[in-house]
Protein backbone atom coordinates (compact mmCIF):
# COMPACT_ATOMS: atom_id res chain seq x y z
CA UNK A 1 6.41 3.04 34.03
CA UNK A 2 4.21 2.84 31.40
CA UNK A 3 5.35 -0.12 28.88
CA UNK A 4 6.87 0.98 25.85
CA UNK A 5 4.55 0.23 22.46
CA UNK A 6 6.50 -1.71 19.92
CA UNK A 7 6.20 -0.85 15.95
CA UNK A 8 4.77 -4.48 14.15
CA UNK A 9 4.38 -5.13 10.98
CA UNK A 10 1.34 -3.72 9.24
CA UNK A 11 -0.86 -6.40 8.77
CA UNK A 12 -2.91 -4.44 6.03
CA UNK A 13 0.31 -4.53 3.55
CA UNK A 14 2.53 -7.07 5.54
CA UNK A 15 5.25 -4.95 6.11
CA UNK A 16 5.59 -3.81 2.85
CA UNK A 17 4.54 -0.23 3.10
CA UNK A 18 2.56 -0.64 -0.03
CA UNK A 19 -0.61 -2.17 -1.42
CA UNK A 20 -2.01 -3.52 -4.92
CA UNK A 21 -3.79 -0.76 -6.88
CA UNK A 22 -7.24 -1.25 -6.53
CA UNK A 23 -8.31 0.66 -10.15
CA UNK A 24 -6.02 -1.12 -12.07
CA UNK A 25 -5.25 -4.70 -10.25
CA UNK A 26 -1.85 -4.27 -9.87
CA UNK A 27 -1.45 -4.30 -14.02
CA UNK A 28 0.42 -0.35 -13.95
CA UNK A 29 -2.64 -0.14 -17.01
CA UNK A 30 -6.05 2.00 -17.09
CA UNK A 31 -9.04 -1.28 -16.84
CA UNK A 32 -11.05 -0.41 -19.59
CA UNK A 33 -7.74 0.77 -22.25
CA UNK A 34 -4.84 -1.37 -21.86
CA UNK A 35 -2.44 1.09 -23.41
CA UNK A 36 -3.30 3.99 -20.75
CA UNK A 37 -1.36 4.04 -17.49
CA UNK A 38 -3.32 3.81 -14.65
CA UNK A 39 -3.00 7.95 -13.20
CA UNK A 40 -3.78 6.37 -9.37
CA UNK A 41 -0.50 4.76 -8.98
CA UNK A 42 1.30 5.75 -12.10
CA UNK A 43 1.66 2.63 -13.73
CA UNK A 44 3.55 0.71 -11.06
CA UNK A 45 0.45 -1.17 -10.04
CA UNK A 46 1.11 -0.26 -6.62
CA UNK A 47 0.38 2.75 -4.41
CA UNK A 48 0.90 3.61 -0.71
CA UNK A 49 -0.75 1.58 1.99
CA UNK A 50 -3.25 3.74 3.76
CA UNK A 51 -3.26 2.07 6.93
CA UNK A 52 0.28 2.95 7.66
CA UNK A 53 1.63 5.59 5.38
CA UNK A 54 3.65 3.62 3.39
CA UNK A 55 5.89 3.21 6.60
CA UNK A 56 5.25 -0.74 6.67
CA UNK A 57 4.74 -0.69 10.69
CA UNK A 58 2.05 0.31 13.32
CA UNK A 59 2.41 0.41 16.75
CA UNK A 60 1.53 -2.75 18.48
CA UNK A 61 -1.95 -2.12 20.84
């Protein structure tokens, strides 16, 4: 029987499912105009981790 793969914490986001927004650096504001919200992260300063799809875990290889 093949061994079952178990999920492990995503190393890209440390298991949170989110990463710091690269456009605003996590501030939630536009990098050039502070009074304007960042449209990439909707002012949260965080975006879904692309490596795990926001799940926070990936299958162990």
